[in-house]
Amino acid sequence: MAADLYCDLLVETPQPKRRWQERVPGMAMAVVASLAAAWLSDHYGAPIILMGLLIGLSLSFVSAEPKLAPGLTFASHTLLRIGIVLVGAQITFAQIGSLGLAAFVALVGIMAIVMLTGVLVARLFKQDVLFGLLAGGATAICGASAALALWSLIGEKRIDQARFTIVLVGISVASALAMSFYPPIAEFLGLNDRQAGFLIGASIHDVAQAIGGGFSFSRPAGEVATIVKLTRVTLLAPVLAIVAIVLRSRGVAAEGTKSRIQIPWFVLGFLALVGINTALPLPAPIIDASHTLSKALLLVSVTATAMKSQMAMLLTQGWRSFAPVIAATLMAFALSLGAALIL
């Protein structure tokens, strides 16, 4: 069904409602694995998303158990979307405005070119264009959360679990390496605080690592990196809306039908929270709680997605599968550096 292919893009065919008890085993498995990932990240300083991925992949054999399927599916889809909505409570439109028009236009241009790079490299290596869009979009916007959101639009029938997991692994490793190497590179090049902050905030995928990388250079650079990175996160919503419209139009062209285009509910929820936080700033405890909860939900979603992956299929993917992520990462760094030097 088209609803299965494009997820939220069409009105979904009603499915038999599952009792919440059926989701408990899979959910419990995903939560326990996520807690283990959080413990490893806290004690050894490893990126928490990467730990969730690795632990989830090591437990991928549990996906063969039918009793776990409802809970893992719920965690990898519904919890993801709730987590994306909650991210909106941490952002205001005023933060975007403080970036300045020139820097904002440059950032939008960088994101567009990075996404296009992912698509072109995927075609160059004879891969699915949608796979390139997923890799480029995850690199351009905000890493794993953007990858999960885009994948929910594209659908599992277009991009299987194995290739999606490759994107998650690629952007997680690239983001960890970038956090380690970009600040020293910025210092070696003699960039000032604003330039270094823009470079780091515009090119590192994961939010926490982009902000951490900025503050490892200097406090002013960290503040600039935070604004730039949160601006990229805010642009997740319009990018998802555009992707939804484009994919829906392609579906209409293929089927010869004329049904109404719908924007995914979690995109609207994300924008609504950004608007509320802008018009009526939320109290700090609520913002902190939303940050913690969204981070936890995204971690559980990533872990559950990895647990659903088929390791046998994943191992059949060659190094070429990582090419779109690698190319998009290098392009993001080059363009961000050029923009930082000019602005």
Protein backbone atom coordinates (compact mmCIF):
# COMPACT_ATOMS: atom_id res chain seq x y z
CA MET A 1 0.00 0.00 0.00
CA ALA A 2 1.10 3.56 -0.68
CA ALA A 3 0.61 4.38 2.97
CA ASP A 4 3.19 1.78 3.91
CA LEU A 5 5.62 3.15 1.34
CA TYR A 6 5.42 6.79 2.31
CA CYS A 7 4.43 6.49 5.97
CA ASP A 8 2.93 9.83 7.04
CA LEU A 9 2.65 11.21 3.52
CA LEU A 10 -0.72 9.56 2.89
CA VAL A 11 -3.67 8.74 5.07
CA GLU A 12 -2.70 5.35 6.40
CA THR A 13 -4.92 2.32 5.97
CA PRO A 14 -6.44 1.47 9.36
CA GLN A 15 -4.49 -1.30 11.04
CA PRO A 16 -5.66 -3.58 13.83
CA LYS A 17 -4.98 -1.88 17.13
CA ARG A 18 -2.43 -3.63 19.27
CA ARG A 19 -2.87 -3.93 22.98
CA TRP A 20 -0.20 -2.09 24.89
CA GLN A 21 0.80 -5.33 26.60
CA GLU A 22 2.05 -6.65 23.24
CA ARG A 23 4.57 -3.80 23.06
CA VAL A 24 6.03 -4.31 26.53
CA PRO A 25 8.61 -7.06 25.75
CA GLY A 26 10.17 -5.26 22.78
CA MET A 27 10.06 -1.89 24.52
CA ALA A 28 11.67 -3.35 27.64
CA MET A 29 14.46 -4.87 25.55
CA ALA A 30 15.13 -1.56 23.78
CA VAL A 31 15.10 0.42 27.05
CA VAL A 32 17.50 -1.95 28.81
CA ALA A 33 19.89 -1.85 25.84
CA SER A 34 19.65 1.96 25.81
CA LEU A 35 20.47 2.13 29.53
CA ALA A 36 23.55 0.01 28.88
CA ALA A 37 24.56 2.42 26.08
CA ALA A 38 24.06 5.40 28.39
CA TRP A 39 26.22 3.76 31.10
CA LEU A 40 29.04 3.07 28.64
CA SER A 41 28.84 6.61 27.27
CA ASP A 42 28.90 8.12 30.76
CA HIS A 43 31.83 6.04 32.00
CA TYR A 44 34.01 5.97 28.87
CA GLY A 45 33.09 9.20 27.11
CA ALA A 46 31.94 7.50 23.91
CA PRO A 47 29.11 9.08 21.86
CA ILE A 48 25.86 7.81 23.30
CA ILE A 49 24.16 7.33 19.92
CA LEU A 50 27.10 5.28 18.66
CA MET A 51 26.94 3.11 21.78
CA GLY A 52 23.23 2.59 21.23
CA LEU A 53 23.87 1.57 17.65
CA LEU A 54 26.60 -0.90 18.53
CA ILE A 55 24.66 -2.52 21.37
CA GLY A 56 21.54 -2.68 19.21
CA LEU A 57 23.44 -4.33 16.39
CA SER A 58 24.96 -6.87 18.79
CA LEU A 59 21.42 -7.79 19.84
CA SER A 60 19.98 -7.88 16.32
CA PHE A 61 19.36 -11.62 16.63
CA VAL A 62 16.39 -10.88 18.92
CA SER A 63 14.46 -9.50 15.94
CA ALA A 64 13.70 -13.11 15.01
CA GLU A 65 11.47 -13.36 18.09
CA PRO A 66 7.88 -12.43 17.02
CA LYS A 67 6.90 -11.31 20.54
CA LEU A 68 9.45 -8.50 20.43
CA ALA A 69 8.42 -7.09 17.05
CA PRO A 70 5.50 -4.84 18.17
CA GLY A 71 7.55 -3.14 20.88
CA LEU A 72 10.63 -2.64 18.69
CA THR A 73 8.50 -1.20 15.91
CA PHE A 74 6.76 1.17 18.32
CA ALA A 75 10.10 2.31 19.74
CA SER A 76 11.73 2.84 16.35
CA HIS A 77 8.83 4.81 14.87
CA THR A 78 6.42 6.39 17.35
CA LEU A 79 8.96 7.23 20.06
CA LEU A 80 11.20 8.74 17.40
CA ARG A 81 8.50 11.15 16.27
CA ILE A 82 7.63 12.18 19.82
CA GLY A 83 11.33 12.83 20.46
CA ILE A 84 11.58 15.05 17.37
CA VAL A 85 8.57 17.10 18.53
CA LEU A 86 10.17 17.64 21.95
CA VAL A 87 13.34 19.00 20.34
CA GLY A 88 11.27 22.03 19.33
CA ALA A 89 10.93 23.08 22.98
CA GLN A 90 14.66 23.82 23.08
CA ILE A 91 14.70 26.30 20.19
CA THR A 92 13.29 29.75 19.45
CA PHE A 93 13.03 31.70 16.23
CA ALA A 94 14.93 34.50 17.99
CA GLN A 95 18.00 32.25 18.14
CA ILE A 96 17.85 31.88 14.39
CA GLY A 97 17.51 35.64 13.96
CA SER A 98 20.60 36.29 16.08
CA LEU A 99 22.68 34.42 13.51
CA GLY A 100 22.35 37.23 10.97
CA LEU A 101 20.96 37.19 7.44
CA ALA A 102 24.25 36.53 5.63
CA ALA A 103 25.21 33.64 7.90
CA PHE A 104 21.70 32.19 7.68
CA VAL A 105 21.67 32.29 3.87
CA ALA A 106 25.14 30.72 3.80
CA LEU A 107 23.97 27.97 6.16
CA VAL A 108 20.91 27.18 4.04
CA GLY A 109 23.13 27.05 0.93
CA ILE A 110 25.59 24.71 2.66
CA MET A 111 22.80 22.36 3.72
CA ALA A 112 21.30 22.28 0.23
CA ILE A 113 24.64 21.53 -1.44
CA VAL A 114 25.49 18.84 1.13
CA MET A 115 22.17 17.10 0.50
CA LEU A 116 22.72 17.34 -3.25
CA THR A 117 26.21 15.87 -2.79
CA GLY A 118 24.75 12.82 -1.08
CA VAL A 119 22.32 12.30 -3.96
CA LEU A 120 24.94 12.77 -6.68
CA VAL A 121 27.49 10.47 -5.04
CA ALA A 122 24.80 7.82 -4.57
CA ARG A 123 24.05 8.01 -8.31
CA LEU A 124 27.76 7.93 -9.11
CA PHE A 125 28.11 4.65 -7.20
CA LYS A 126 24.89 3.30 -8.77
CA GLN A 127 22.92 3.46 -5.54
CA ASP A 128 19.33 4.48 -4.89
CA VAL A 129 18.83 8.25 -5.10
CA LEU A 130 16.67 8.10 -1.96
CA PHE A 131 19.58 6.49 -0.11
CA GLY A 132 21.73 9.45 -1.16
CA LEU A 133 18.99 11.82 0.03
CA LEU A 134 18.94 10.06 3.40
CA ALA A 135 22.73 10.21 3.77
CA GLY A 136 23.00 13.80 2.57
CA GLY A 137 20.05 14.98 4.66
CA ALA A 138 21.34 13.35 7.84
CA THR A 139 24.74 14.95 7.28
CA ALA A 140 23.34 18.36 6.40
CA ILE A 141 20.81 18.73 9.21
CA CYS A 142 21.36 17.02 12.55
CA GLY A 143 22.71 13.51 12.27
CA ALA A 144 20.82 10.54 13.63
CA SER A 145 17.57 12.38 14.43
CA ALA A 146 17.39 13.76 10.88
CA ALA A 147 18.19 10.31 9.45
CA LEU A 148 15.39 8.76 11.48
CA ALA A 149 12.93 11.48 10.48
CA LEU A 150 13.79 11.26 6.79
CA TRP A 151 13.63 7.47 6.88
CA SER A 152 10.15 7.64 8.37
CA LEU A 153 9.12 9.65 5.31
CA ILE A 154 10.89 7.55 2.70
CA GLY A 155 9.75 4.23 4.14
CA GLU A 156 11.39 0.91 4.92
CA LYS A 157 10.31 -0.56 1.60
CA ARG A 158 12.48 1.94 -0.26
CA ILE A 159 15.50 1.86 2.08
CA ASP A 160 15.92 -1.35 4.05
CA GLN A 161 17.14 -1.67 7.63
CA ALA A 162 20.68 -2.59 6.56
CA ARG A 163 21.29 0.51 4.45
CA PHE A 164 19.61 2.74 7.00
CA THR A 165 21.87 1.35 9.72
CA ILE A 166 24.89 2.06 7.51
CA VAL A 167 23.85 5.72 7.39
CA LEU A 168 23.46 5.82 11.17
CA VAL A 169 26.85 4.21 11.76
CA GLY A 170 28.52 6.46 9.19
CA ILE A 171 27.21 9.75 10.55
CA SER A 172 27.84 8.71 14.17
CA VAL A 173 31.48 7.83 13.50
CA ALA A 174 32.00 10.90 11.31
CA SER A 175 30.49 13.19 13.95
CA ALA A 176 32.69 11.72 16.69
CA LEU A 177 35.81 12.18 14.58
CA ALA A 178 34.78 15.72 13.64
CA MET A 179 34.34 16.73 17.27
CA SER A 180 37.89 15.54 17.95
CA PHE A 181 39.63 17.04 14.93
CA TYR A 182 37.73 20.15 13.82
CA PRO A 183 38.61 22.36 16.84
CA PRO A 184 42.38 21.69 16.45
CA ILE A 185 42.09 22.31 12.70
CA ALA A 186 40.33 25.62 13.38
CA GLU A 187 43.09 26.61 15.80
CA PHE A 188 45.78 25.57 13.32
CA LEU A 189 44.16 27.74 10.64
CA GLY A 190 44.07 30.72 13.00
CA LEU A 191 40.30 31.16 12.96
CA ASN A 192 38.76 33.58 15.43
CA ASP A 193 35.99 32.58 17.82
CA ARG A 194 33.10 33.45 15.48
CA GLN A 195 34.71 31.71 12.50
CA ALA A 196 35.54 28.59 14.50
CA GLY A 197 32.05 28.49 16.00
CA PHE A 198 30.43 28.75 12.59
CA LEU A 199 32.71 26.07 11.12
CA ILE A 200 32.03 23.61 13.94
CA GLY A 201 28.30 24.34 14.24
CA ALA A 202 27.72 24.14 10.48
CA SER A 203 29.66 20.95 9.79
CA ILE A 204 29.37 18.55 12.75
CA HIS A 205 26.30 16.33 12.55
CA ASP A 206 25.28 15.56 16.14
CA VAL A 207 23.96 18.41 18.30
CA ALA A 208 25.83 17.53 21.49
CA GLN A 209 29.10 16.96 19.64
CA ALA A 210 28.77 20.20 17.66
CA ILE A 211 28.20 22.19 20.85
CA GLY A 212 30.93 20.29 22.70
CA GLY A 213 33.37 20.86 19.86
CA GLY A 214 32.62 24.58 19.90
CA PHE A 215 33.17 24.97 23.62
CA SER A 216 36.38 22.94 23.42
CA PHE A 217 37.72 25.76 21.20
CA SER A 218 36.48 28.61 23.42
CA ARG A 219 33.34 29.75 25.20
CA PRO A 220 32.44 32.41 22.56
CA ALA A 221 32.99 29.83 19.82
CA GLY A 222 30.76 27.40 21.70
CA GLU A 223 27.97 29.98 21.88
CA VAL A 224 28.20 30.63 18.12
CA ALA A 225 28.34 26.89 17.39
CA THR A 226 25.23 26.38 19.52
CA ILE A 227 23.23 29.00 17.60
CA VAL A 228 24.39 27.68 14.23
CA LYS A 229 23.65 24.08 15.15
CA LEU A 230 20.22 24.86 16.59
CA THR A 231 19.42 26.76 13.41
CA ARG A 232 20.21 23.61 11.44
CA VAL A 233 17.95 21.63 13.76
CA THR A 234 15.12 24.14 13.25
CA LEU A 235 15.47 23.76 9.49
CA LEU A 236 14.71 20.06 9.92
CA ALA A 237 10.99 20.84 9.86
CA PRO A 238 10.88 22.72 6.52
CA VAL A 239 13.24 20.21 4.94
CA LEU A 240 10.97 17.35 6.01
CA ALA A 241 7.96 19.21 4.68
CA ILE A 242 9.65 19.75 1.31
CA VAL A 243 10.74 16.11 1.13
CA ALA A 244 7.21 15.00 2.02
CA ILE A 245 5.73 17.14 -0.76
CA VAL A 246 8.28 15.97 -3.33
CA LEU A 247 7.83 12.29 -2.48
CA ARG A 248 4.06 12.69 -2.44
CA SER A 249 4.11 14.37 -5.85
CA ARG A 250 6.19 11.50 -7.23
CA GLY A 251 3.65 9.09 -5.85
CA VAL A 252 0.82 11.01 -7.46
CA ALA A 253 2.63 11.02 -10.79
CA ALA A 254 3.14 7.29 -10.63
CA GLU A 255 -0.43 6.46 -9.69
CA GLY A 256 -2.20 9.15 -11.68
CA THR A 257 -4.24 10.25 -8.68
CA LYS A 258 -4.87 13.63 -7.11
CA SER A 259 -5.05 13.38 -3.36
CA ARG A 260 -4.27 16.05 -0.82
CA ILE A 261 -0.65 16.52 0.26
CA GLN A 262 -0.20 16.15 4.01
CA ILE A 263 2.66 17.35 6.20
CA PRO A 264 3.68 14.77 8.85
CA TRP A 265 2.20 15.48 12.26
CA PHE A 266 5.55 15.46 14.02
CA VAL A 267 6.81 18.25 11.73
CA LEU A 268 3.82 20.40 12.67
CA GLY A 269 4.31 19.52 16.34
CA PHE A 270 7.98 20.50 16.15
CA LEU A 271 7.14 23.90 14.62
CA ALA A 272 4.34 24.44 17.12
CA LEU A 273 6.68 23.98 20.08
CA VAL A 274 9.27 26.30 18.51
CA GLY A 275 6.54 28.92 18.08
CA ILE A 276 5.29 28.51 21.65
CA ASN A 277 8.81 28.75 23.07
CA THR A 278 9.37 31.89 20.98
CA ALA A 279 6.13 33.67 21.93
CA LEU A 280 6.05 32.53 25.54
CA PRO A 281 9.48 31.29 26.66
CA LEU A 282 9.15 28.01 28.50
CA PRO A 283 10.54 27.73 32.07
CA ALA A 284 14.05 26.36 32.34
CA PRO A 285 12.94 23.15 34.14
CA ILE A 286 10.55 22.33 31.29
CA ILE A 287 13.23 22.97 28.68
CA ASP A 288 15.70 20.81 30.59
CA ALA A 289 13.11 18.05 30.96
CA SER A 290 12.25 18.17 27.25
CA HIS A 291 15.95 17.98 26.38
CA THR A 292 16.49 14.94 28.58
CA LEU A 293 13.32 13.20 27.41
CA SER A 294 13.92 13.88 23.70
CA LYS A 295 17.48 12.61 24.00
CA ALA A 296 16.26 9.46 25.76
CA LEU A 297 13.51 8.81 23.21
CA LEU A 298 15.89 9.25 20.27
CA LEU A 299 18.40 6.91 21.92
CA VAL A 300 15.76 4.22 22.46
CA SER A 301 14.60 4.69 18.86
CA VAL A 302 18.11 4.33 17.44
CA THR A 303 18.78 1.27 19.60
CA ALA A 304 15.51 -0.38 18.59
CA THR A 305 16.18 0.34 14.92
CA ALA A 306 19.60 -1.31 15.19
CA MET A 307 18.07 -4.29 16.96
CA LYS A 308 15.63 -4.71 14.06
CA SER A 309 18.49 -4.70 11.54
CA GLN A 310 19.54 -7.91 9.87
CA MET A 311 23.27 -8.29 10.46
CA ALA A 312 23.62 -10.72 7.56
CA MET A 313 22.26 -8.08 5.18
CA LEU A 314 24.40 -5.37 6.79
CA LEU A 315 27.60 -7.37 6.31
CA THR A 316 26.89 -7.75 2.60
CA GLN A 317 27.13 -3.98 2.10
CA GLY A 318 30.54 -2.89 0.80
CA TRP A 319 32.52 0.28 1.49
CA ARG A 320 30.72 1.99 -1.38
CA SER A 321 27.63 2.17 0.81
CA PHE A 322 29.45 4.67 3.03
CA ALA A 323 30.49 6.87 0.08
CA PRO A 324 27.50 9.27 0.24
CA VAL A 325 28.05 9.91 3.96
CA ILE A 326 31.80 10.40 3.52
CA ALA A 327 31.38 12.73 0.54
CA ALA A 328 28.64 14.75 2.24
CA THR A 329 30.76 15.09 5.41
CA LEU A 330 33.79 16.34 3.48
CA MET A 331 31.63 18.74 1.48
CA ALA A 332 30.04 20.09 4.66
CA PHE A 333 33.46 20.79 6.16
CA ALA A 334 34.84 22.44 3.01
CA LEU A 335 31.80 24.70 2.50
CA SER A 336 31.56 25.60 6.19
CA LEU A 337 35.24 26.53 6.28
CA GLY A 338 34.87 28.68 3.16
CA ALA A 339 31.81 30.44 4.59
CA ALA A 340 33.54 30.97 7.96
CA LEU A 341 36.48 32.68 6.25
CA ILE A 342 34.23 34.97 4.22
CA LEU A 343 31.63 35.95 6.84
